[in-house]
Amino acid sequence: WYFVTDLVSGGGNWTTVVTLLIGLIYLAIAGASDSPSSFWWHLGAGVLIGGALLNWWHNSDTDWALIAVAGLVYVWIAYGTKRSSWAVLGAIGLFLSAVHYASEWSNETITITGITDTRGWVPYAVFAFLGFLLVVLGLRRRGGAAGEPERIQLKS
């Protein structure tokens, strides 16, 4: 893949742009088809678009916040397309953001003395929030009847 996109784009950031554009083309193809095999188009589109976003946004806290927002957008796309691959990729994006923030927020350095203070409780809080968020996103789709069995009307 890298060889083909590098050959087409000439390298550098253009490789990422070509990857993003091909991912968007795959998304359009997947949206036009409703067959079970369109799963692969959806998966390819999600991986290519997500890979391009991760290539651009992986350095700062703001970048990882954008990855978390992209993860939420992926879940929203999963609701619209009824394809679980988008939800799984969105959850992966949220998890990667949580790993970044758990690592970033658990260590604090006091600049005057150079002493590092470790806050061991922060990763637990970050991942508890992530777990709660994933449960809420999963239940949101089911609506108010979550956990209740479906009622079937018997014909007489």
N, C-alpha and C. Protein backbone atom coordinates (compact mmCIF):
# COMPACT_ATOMS: atom_id res chain seq x y z
N TRP A 1 0.83 -1.19 0.00
CA TRP A 1 0.00 0.00 0.00
C TRP A 1 0.87 1.25 0.00
N TYR A 2 1.87 1.25 0.84
CA TYR A 2 2.72 2.42 0.95
C TYR A 2 3.42 2.69 -0.38
N PHE A 3 3.87 1.63 -1.06
CA PHE A 3 4.55 1.81 -2.35
C PHE A 3 3.63 2.45 -3.37
N VAL A 4 2.39 1.97 -3.45
CA VAL A 4 1.44 2.49 -4.44
C VAL A 4 1.11 3.95 -4.14
N THR A 5 0.78 4.27 -2.90
CA THR A 5 0.43 5.66 -2.58
C THR A 5 1.63 6.57 -2.71
N ASP A 6 2.80 6.07 -2.38
CA ASP A 6 4.01 6.88 -2.52
C ASP A 6 4.30 7.13 -4.00
N LEU A 7 4.06 6.14 -4.83
CA LEU A 7 4.27 6.28 -6.27
C LEU A 7 3.29 7.29 -6.87
N VAL A 8 2.03 7.22 -6.44
CA VAL A 8 1.00 8.12 -6.96
C VAL A 8 1.19 9.54 -6.44
N SER A 9 1.55 9.67 -5.17
CA SER A 9 1.55 10.99 -4.53
C SER A 9 2.89 11.70 -4.55
N GLY A 10 3.96 11.00 -4.70
CA GLY A 10 5.27 11.64 -4.67
C GLY A 10 5.85 11.73 -3.27
N GLY A 11 5.23 11.10 -2.29
CA GLY A 11 5.77 11.06 -0.93
C GLY A 11 5.33 12.22 -0.06
N GLY A 12 5.83 12.21 1.16
CA GLY A 12 5.51 13.27 2.11
C GLY A 12 4.07 13.23 2.58
N ASN A 13 3.54 14.40 2.89
CA ASN A 13 2.15 14.49 3.34
C ASN A 13 1.16 14.12 2.26
N TRP A 14 1.58 14.18 1.01
CA TRP A 14 0.67 13.80 -0.07
C TRP A 14 0.30 12.34 0.01
N THR A 15 1.16 11.50 0.55
CA THR A 15 0.82 10.09 0.74
C THR A 15 -0.37 9.97 1.67
N THR A 16 -0.38 10.77 2.72
CA THR A 16 -1.50 10.76 3.65
C THR A 16 -2.76 11.32 3.01
N VAL A 17 -2.61 12.35 2.19
CA VAL A 17 -3.77 12.93 1.49
C VAL A 17 -4.37 11.90 0.53
N VAL A 18 -3.52 11.20 -0.22
CA VAL A 18 -4.01 10.17 -1.15
C VAL A 18 -4.70 9.05 -0.37
N THR A 19 -4.14 8.66 0.76
CA THR A 19 -4.76 7.63 1.60
C THR A 19 -6.14 8.07 2.07
N LEU A 20 -6.25 9.32 2.51
CA LEU A 20 -7.54 9.85 2.95
C LEU A 20 -8.54 9.87 1.80
N LEU A 21 -8.11 10.33 0.63
CA LEU A 21 -9.02 10.40 -0.52
C LEU A 21 -9.49 9.01 -0.95
N ILE A 22 -8.59 8.05 -0.97
CA ILE A 22 -8.99 6.69 -1.33
C ILE A 22 -9.94 6.12 -0.27
N GLY A 23 -9.70 6.44 1.00
CA GLY A 23 -10.63 6.03 2.05
C GLY A 23 -12.01 6.62 1.85
N LEU A 24 -12.08 7.88 1.43
CA LEU A 24 -13.37 8.51 1.16
C LEU A 24 -14.06 7.90 -0.06
N ILE A 25 -13.26 7.52 -1.07
CA ILE A 25 -13.83 6.83 -2.24
C ILE A 25 -14.39 5.47 -1.82
N TYR A 26 -13.65 4.74 -0.99
CA TYR A 26 -14.15 3.46 -0.47
C TYR A 26 -15.44 3.66 0.31
N LEU A 27 -15.51 4.74 1.08
CA LEU A 27 -16.73 5.02 1.86
C LEU A 27 -17.91 5.28 0.92
N ALA A 28 -17.68 5.99 -0.17
CA ALA A 28 -18.75 6.23 -1.14
C ALA A 28 -19.20 4.93 -1.80
N ILE A 29 -18.25 4.07 -2.14
CA ILE A 29 -18.60 2.77 -2.73
C ILE A 29 -19.38 1.93 -1.73
N ALA A 30 -18.94 1.93 -0.48
CA ALA A 30 -19.62 1.15 0.56
C ALA A 30 -21.03 1.68 0.80
N GLY A 31 -21.19 3.00 0.75
CA GLY A 31 -22.51 3.59 0.97
C GLY A 31 -23.48 3.28 -0.15
N ALA A 32 -22.96 3.05 -1.35
CA ALA A 32 -23.82 2.76 -2.50
C ALA A 32 -24.28 1.31 -2.52
N SER A 33 -23.61 0.45 -1.78
CA SER A 33 -23.94 -0.97 -1.78
C SER A 33 -24.50 -1.38 -0.42
N ASP A 34 -25.48 -2.27 -0.44
CA ASP A 34 -26.06 -2.76 0.80
C ASP A 34 -25.84 -4.26 0.97
N SER A 35 -24.98 -4.82 0.14
CA SER A 35 -24.74 -6.26 0.22
C SER A 35 -23.85 -6.58 1.41
N PRO A 36 -23.89 -7.82 1.89
CA PRO A 36 -23.03 -8.19 3.02
C PRO A 36 -21.54 -8.01 2.73
N SER A 37 -21.14 -8.16 1.47
CA SER A 37 -19.72 -8.01 1.15
C SER A 37 -19.24 -6.57 1.20
N SER A 38 -20.16 -5.61 1.33
CA SER A 38 -19.73 -4.22 1.46
C SER A 38 -19.07 -3.96 2.81
N PHE A 39 -19.14 -4.96 3.70
CA PHE A 39 -18.40 -4.88 4.96
C PHE A 39 -16.94 -4.54 4.70
N TRP A 40 -16.35 -5.17 3.69
CA TRP A 40 -14.93 -4.97 3.41
C TRP A 40 -14.65 -3.56 2.91
N TRP A 41 -15.59 -2.98 2.15
CA TRP A 41 -15.43 -1.59 1.73
C TRP A 41 -15.49 -0.66 2.94
N HIS A 42 -16.44 -0.93 3.85
CA HIS A 42 -16.55 -0.12 5.06
C HIS A 42 -15.29 -0.24 5.92
N LEU A 43 -14.81 -1.47 6.09
CA LEU A 43 -13.61 -1.68 6.89
C LEU A 43 -12.41 -0.99 6.26
N GLY A 44 -12.24 -1.15 4.96
CA GLY A 44 -11.12 -0.48 4.28
C GLY A 44 -11.21 1.03 4.38
N ALA A 45 -12.41 1.57 4.21
CA ALA A 45 -12.59 3.02 4.33
C ALA A 45 -12.25 3.50 5.72
N GLY A 46 -12.73 2.79 6.73
CA GLY A 46 -12.46 3.20 8.11
C GLY A 46 -10.98 3.15 8.46
N VAL A 47 -10.31 2.09 8.01
CA VAL A 47 -8.87 1.97 8.31
C VAL A 47 -8.07 3.04 7.58
N LEU A 48 -8.39 3.28 6.31
CA LEU A 48 -7.63 4.28 5.54
C LEU A 48 -7.86 5.69 6.08
N ILE A 49 -9.11 6.05 6.36
CA ILE A 49 -9.40 7.38 6.89
C ILE A 49 -8.78 7.53 8.27
N GLY A 50 -8.96 6.53 9.12
CA GLY A 50 -8.38 6.59 10.47
C GLY A 50 -6.86 6.62 10.46
N GLY A 51 -6.26 5.87 9.55
CA GLY A 51 -4.80 5.89 9.44
C GLY A 51 -4.27 7.25 9.03
N ALA A 52 -4.98 7.89 8.11
CA ALA A 52 -4.57 9.24 7.69
C ALA A 52 -4.70 10.22 8.85
N LEU A 53 -5.81 10.14 9.59
CA LEU A 53 -5.99 11.05 10.73
C LEU A 53 -4.95 10.81 11.81
N LEU A 54 -4.64 9.53 12.08
CA LEU A 54 -3.60 9.24 13.08
C LEU A 54 -2.23 9.72 12.63
N ASN A 55 -1.96 9.65 11.33
CA ASN A 55 -0.68 10.13 10.83
C ASN A 55 -0.54 11.63 11.04
N TRP A 56 -1.64 12.36 10.87
CA TRP A 56 -1.59 13.81 11.06
C TRP A 56 -1.68 14.20 12.53
N TRP A 57 -2.50 13.51 13.29
CA TRP A 57 -2.81 13.93 14.67
C TRP A 57 -2.29 12.90 15.67
N HIS A 58 -1.06 13.01 16.08
CA HIS A 58 -0.54 12.09 17.08
C HIS A 58 0.50 12.71 18.01
N ASN A 59 0.63 14.04 18.02
CA ASN A 59 1.69 14.66 18.81
C ASN A 59 1.21 15.35 20.08
N SER A 60 0.21 16.17 19.98
CA SER A 60 -0.17 17.01 21.12
C SER A 60 -1.48 16.53 21.75
N ASP A 61 -1.83 17.14 22.88
CA ASP A 61 -3.10 16.83 23.53
C ASP A 61 -4.27 17.20 22.63
N THR A 62 -4.15 18.30 21.91
CA THR A 62 -5.21 18.70 20.98
C THR A 62 -5.39 17.67 19.88
N ASP A 63 -4.28 17.13 19.38
CA ASP A 63 -4.35 16.10 18.35
C ASP A 63 -5.12 14.88 18.86
N TRP A 64 -4.82 14.45 20.08
CA TRP A 64 -5.49 13.28 20.63
C TRP A 64 -6.95 13.57 20.95
N ALA A 65 -7.27 14.82 21.27
CA ALA A 65 -8.67 15.19 21.45
C ALA A 65 -9.41 15.07 20.12
N LEU A 66 -8.74 15.47 19.03
CA LEU A 66 -9.35 15.33 17.70
C LEU A 66 -9.53 13.86 17.33
N ILE A 67 -8.60 13.00 17.73
CA ILE A 67 -8.75 11.57 17.49
C ILE A 67 -9.95 11.03 18.26
N ALA A 68 -10.14 11.51 19.50
CA ALA A 68 -11.31 11.09 20.28
C ALA A 68 -12.61 11.55 19.61
N VAL A 69 -12.62 12.77 19.10
CA VAL A 69 -13.80 13.27 18.38
C VAL A 69 -14.03 12.43 17.12
N ALA A 70 -12.96 12.10 16.42
CA ALA A 70 -13.09 11.24 15.23
C ALA A 70 -13.64 9.87 15.62
N GLY A 71 -13.24 9.36 16.78
CA GLY A 71 -13.79 8.10 17.27
C GLY A 71 -15.29 8.19 17.49
N LEU A 72 -15.74 9.31 18.05
CA LEU A 72 -17.18 9.51 18.24
C LEU A 72 -17.90 9.64 16.90
N VAL A 73 -17.25 10.29 15.92
CA VAL A 73 -17.84 10.39 14.57
C VAL A 73 -17.94 9.00 13.95
N TYR A 74 -16.94 8.16 14.16
CA TYR A 74 -16.99 6.79 13.66
C TYR A 74 -18.18 6.04 14.25
N VAL A 75 -18.43 6.21 15.55
CA VAL A 75 -19.58 5.55 16.18
C VAL A 75 -20.87 6.08 15.57
N TRP A 76 -20.93 7.37 15.31
CA TRP A 76 -22.10 7.97 14.67
C TRP A 76 -22.30 7.38 13.27
N ILE A 77 -21.20 7.19 12.53
CA ILE A 77 -21.29 6.56 11.21
C ILE A 77 -21.79 5.12 11.35
N ALA A 78 -21.34 4.43 12.41
CA ALA A 78 -21.81 3.06 12.65
C ALA A 78 -23.32 3.03 12.86
N TYR A 79 -23.85 4.01 13.58
CA TYR A 79 -25.31 4.08 13.76
C TYR A 79 -26.00 4.25 12.42
N GLY A 80 -25.48 5.13 11.58
CA GLY A 80 -26.12 5.42 10.30
C GLY A 80 -26.02 4.30 9.29
N THR A 81 -24.87 3.65 9.23
CA THR A 81 -24.66 2.60 8.24
C THR A 81 -25.03 1.21 8.75
N LYS A 82 -25.23 1.09 10.05
CA LYS A 82 -25.51 -0.20 10.68
C LYS A 82 -24.38 -1.20 10.42
N ARG A 83 -23.16 -0.69 10.44
CA ARG A 83 -21.97 -1.53 10.26
C ARG A 83 -21.12 -1.46 11.51
N SER A 84 -20.86 -2.61 12.10
CA SER A 84 -20.12 -2.65 13.36
C SER A 84 -18.65 -2.30 13.20
N SER A 85 -18.11 -2.42 11.99
CA SER A 85 -16.69 -2.11 11.80
C SER A 85 -16.39 -0.67 12.17
N TRP A 86 -17.32 0.24 11.88
CA TRP A 86 -17.12 1.65 12.24
C TRP A 86 -17.11 1.81 13.75
N ALA A 87 -17.99 1.10 14.44
CA ALA A 87 -18.04 1.20 15.90
C ALA A 87 -16.77 0.65 16.53
N VAL A 88 -16.26 -0.45 16.00
CA VAL A 88 -15.02 -1.03 16.54
C VAL A 88 -13.85 -0.09 16.30
N LEU A 89 -13.74 0.46 15.10
CA LEU A 89 -12.65 1.40 14.82
C LEU A 89 -12.78 2.68 15.65
N GLY A 90 -14.01 3.14 15.87
CA GLY A 90 -14.23 4.29 16.74
C GLY A 90 -13.81 4.00 18.17
N ALA A 91 -14.13 2.80 18.65
CA ALA A 91 -13.72 2.42 20.00
C ALA A 91 -12.20 2.34 20.11
N ILE A 92 -11.54 1.88 19.05
CA ILE A 92 -10.07 1.84 19.06
C ILE A 92 -9.51 3.25 19.14
N GLY A 93 -10.09 4.19 18.38
CA GLY A 93 -9.64 5.59 18.46
C GLY A 93 -9.84 6.17 19.84
N LEU A 94 -10.98 5.89 20.46
CA LEU A 94 -11.22 6.37 21.83
C LEU A 94 -10.24 5.74 22.81
N PHE A 95 -9.94 4.45 22.62
CA PHE A 95 -8.98 3.76 23.49
C PHE A 95 -7.58 4.36 23.35
N LEU A 96 -7.15 4.62 22.12
CA LEU A 96 -5.82 5.21 21.92
C LEU A 96 -5.73 6.60 22.56
N SER A 97 -6.80 7.37 22.46
CA SER A 97 -6.82 8.69 23.11
C SER A 97 -6.76 8.53 24.62
N ALA A 98 -7.48 7.55 25.15
CA ALA A 98 -7.47 7.31 26.59
C ALA A 98 -6.08 6.90 27.07
N VAL A 99 -5.40 6.07 26.29
CA VAL A 99 -4.03 5.68 26.65
C VAL A 99 -3.13 6.91 26.70
N HIS A 100 -3.25 7.79 25.72
CA HIS A 100 -2.43 9.00 25.70
C HIS A 100 -2.69 9.84 26.94
N TYR A 101 -3.97 10.11 27.23
CA TYR A 101 -4.29 10.98 28.36
C TYR A 101 -3.97 10.32 29.70
N ALA A 102 -4.14 9.01 29.82
CA ALA A 102 -3.78 8.33 31.06
C ALA A 102 -2.28 8.46 31.31
N SER A 103 -1.50 8.31 30.27
CA SER A 103 -0.05 8.45 30.41
C SER A 103 0.36 9.90 30.68
N GLU A 104 -0.26 10.81 29.96
CA GLU A 104 0.09 12.23 30.08
C GLU A 104 -0.29 12.80 31.45
N TRP A 105 -1.46 12.45 31.94
CA TRP A 105 -1.96 13.05 33.17
C TRP A 105 -1.46 12.34 34.43
N SER A 106 -0.90 11.15 34.30
CA SER A 106 -0.48 10.44 35.51
C SER A 106 0.90 10.87 36.00
N ASN A 107 1.66 11.57 35.19
CA ASN A 107 2.98 12.06 35.61
C ASN A 107 3.00 13.58 35.56
N GLU A 108 3.46 14.17 36.64
CA GLU A 108 3.56 15.63 36.71
C GLU A 108 4.96 15.98 37.19
N THR A 109 5.61 16.88 36.49
CA THR A 109 6.95 17.32 36.88
C THR A 109 6.87 18.76 37.36
N ILE A 110 7.42 19.00 38.54
CA ILE A 110 7.52 20.36 39.05
C ILE A 110 8.80 20.94 38.46
N THR A 111 8.68 21.98 37.65
CA THR A 111 9.81 22.46 36.85
C THR A 111 10.92 23.09 37.68
N ILE A 112 10.62 23.70 38.79
CA ILE A 112 11.67 24.36 39.58
C ILE A 112 12.60 23.33 40.20
N THR A 113 12.03 22.27 40.79
CA THR A 113 12.85 21.27 41.46
C THR A 113 13.17 20.06 40.59
N GLY A 114 12.40 19.86 39.53
CA GLY A 114 12.61 18.69 38.68
C GLY A 114 12.07 17.41 39.27
N ILE A 115 11.29 17.51 40.34
CA ILE A 115 10.72 16.33 40.99
C ILE A 115 9.51 15.86 40.20
N THR A 116 9.45 14.56 39.97
CA THR A 116 8.32 13.98 39.26
C THR A 116 7.36 13.37 40.26
N ASP A 117 6.10 13.74 40.15
CA ASP A 117 5.06 13.21 41.02
C ASP A 117 4.18 12.28 40.20
N THR A 118 4.04 11.06 40.64
CA THR A 118 3.21 10.09 39.93
C THR A 118 1.84 10.02 40.58
N ARG A 119 0.82 10.19 39.75
CA ARG A 119 -0.56 10.07 40.22
C ARG A 119 -1.11 8.76 39.67
N GLY A 120 -1.00 7.72 40.46
CA GLY A 120 -1.39 6.38 40.01
C GLY A 120 -2.87 6.17 39.81
N TRP A 121 -3.69 7.03 40.35
CA TRP A 121 -5.14 6.87 40.23
C TRP A 121 -5.68 7.36 38.89
N VAL A 122 -4.91 8.17 38.19
CA VAL A 122 -5.41 8.79 36.96
C VAL A 122 -5.76 7.76 35.88
N PRO A 123 -4.91 6.76 35.59
CA PRO A 123 -5.30 5.78 34.56
C PRO A 123 -6.61 5.06 34.89
N TYR A 124 -6.83 4.77 36.18
CA TYR A 124 -8.08 4.11 36.56
C TYR A 124 -9.27 5.00 36.24
N ALA A 125 -9.14 6.28 36.53
CA ALA A 125 -10.24 7.22 36.27
C ALA A 125 -10.48 7.38 34.76
N VAL A 126 -9.39 7.49 33.99
CA VAL A 126 -9.53 7.67 32.54
C VAL A 126 -10.20 6.45 31.91
N PHE A 127 -9.75 5.25 32.29
CA PHE A 127 -10.33 4.05 31.67
C PHE A 127 -11.73 3.75 32.21
N ALA A 128 -12.03 4.15 33.44
CA ALA A 128 -13.40 4.01 33.94
C ALA A 128 -14.33 4.92 33.14
N PHE A 129 -13.88 6.14 32.86
CA PHE A 129 -14.68 7.05 32.04
C PHE A 129 -14.87 6.48 30.64
N LEU A 130 -13.80 5.94 30.06
CA LEU A 130 -13.91 5.35 28.73
C LEU A 130 -14.91 4.19 28.73
N GLY A 131 -14.83 3.33 29.73
CA GLY A 131 -15.78 2.22 29.81
C GLY A 131 -17.21 2.71 29.93
N PHE A 132 -17.43 3.71 30.77
CA PHE A 132 -18.76 4.29 30.92
C PHE A 132 -19.24 4.88 29.59
N LEU A 133 -18.36 5.59 28.91
CA LEU A 133 -18.72 6.19 27.62
C LEU A 133 -19.10 5.12 26.60
N LEU A 134 -18.34 4.02 26.55
CA LEU A 134 -18.64 2.96 25.59
C LEU A 134 -19.98 2.30 25.90
N VAL A 135 -20.28 2.13 27.19
CA VAL A 135 -21.58 1.56 27.57
C VAL A 135 -22.71 2.49 27.16
N VAL A 136 -22.54 3.78 27.42
CA VAL A 136 -23.57 4.76 27.04
C VAL A 136 -23.77 4.78 25.53
N LEU A 137 -22.68 4.75 24.77
CA LEU A 137 -22.79 4.74 23.31
C LEU A 137 -23.48 3.47 22.81
N GLY A 138 -23.21 2.35 23.47
CA GLY A 138 -23.86 1.09 23.09
C GLY A 138 -25.33 1.08 23.42
N LEU A 139 -25.69 1.61 24.58
CA LEU A 139 -27.10 1.64 24.99
C LEU A 139 -27.90 2.69 24.25
N ARG A 140 -27.24 3.73 23.79
CA ARG A 140 -27.93 4.82 23.10
C ARG A 140 -28.69 4.30 21.89
N ARG A 141 -28.10 3.39 21.19
CA ARG A 141 -28.72 2.86 19.98
C ARG A 141 -29.96 2.04 20.29
N ARG A 142 -29.96 1.38 21.43
CA ARG A 142 -31.09 0.52 21.78
C ARG A 142 -32.27 1.31 22.30
N GLY A 143 -32.04 2.51 22.77
CA GLY A 143 -33.14 3.37 23.23
C GLY A 143 -33.63 3.00 24.62
N GLY A 144 -34.86 3.38 24.92
CA GLY A 144 -35.42 3.22 26.26
C GLY A 144 -35.70 1.78 26.63
N ALA A 145 -35.80 0.88 25.67
CA ALA A 145 -36.15 -0.50 25.97
C ALA A 145 -34.93 -1.37 26.21
N ALA A 146 -33.80 -0.76 26.52
CA ALA A 146 -32.58 -1.54 26.72
C ALA A 146 -32.76 -2.49 27.89
N GLY A 147 -32.42 -3.73 27.68
CA GLY A 147 -32.49 -4.73 28.73
C GLY A 147 -33.85 -5.40 28.85
N GLU A 148 -34.85 -4.90 28.16
CA GLU A 148 -36.18 -5.51 28.20
C GLU A 148 -36.34 -6.41 26.98
N PRO A 149 -36.96 -7.58 27.19
CA PRO A 149 -37.18 -8.46 26.03
C PRO A 149 -38.24 -7.87 25.11
N GLU A 150 -38.14 -8.23 23.86
CA GLU A 150 -39.11 -7.75 22.87
C GLU A 150 -40.44 -8.46 23.09
N ARG A 151 -41.52 -7.69 23.09
CA ARG A 151 -42.86 -8.25 23.31
C ARG A 151 -43.44 -8.67 21.95
N ILE A 152 -43.92 -9.89 21.92
CA ILE A 152 -44.49 -10.44 20.69
C ILE A 152 -46.00 -10.57 20.88
N GLN A 153 -46.74 -10.04 19.93
CA GLN A 153 -48.20 -10.14 19.96
C GLN A 153 -48.62 -11.47 19.33
N LEU A 154 -49.39 -12.25 20.07
CA LEU A 154 -49.90 -13.51 19.55
C LEU A 154 -51.21 -13.27 18.83
N LYS A 155 -51.36 -13.87 17.67
CA LYS A 155 -52.60 -13.72 16.90
C LYS A 155 -53.58 -14.81 17.32
N SER A 156 -54.82 -14.43 17.50
CA SER A 156 -55.84 -15.40 17.91
C SER A 156 -56.59 -15.97 16.75
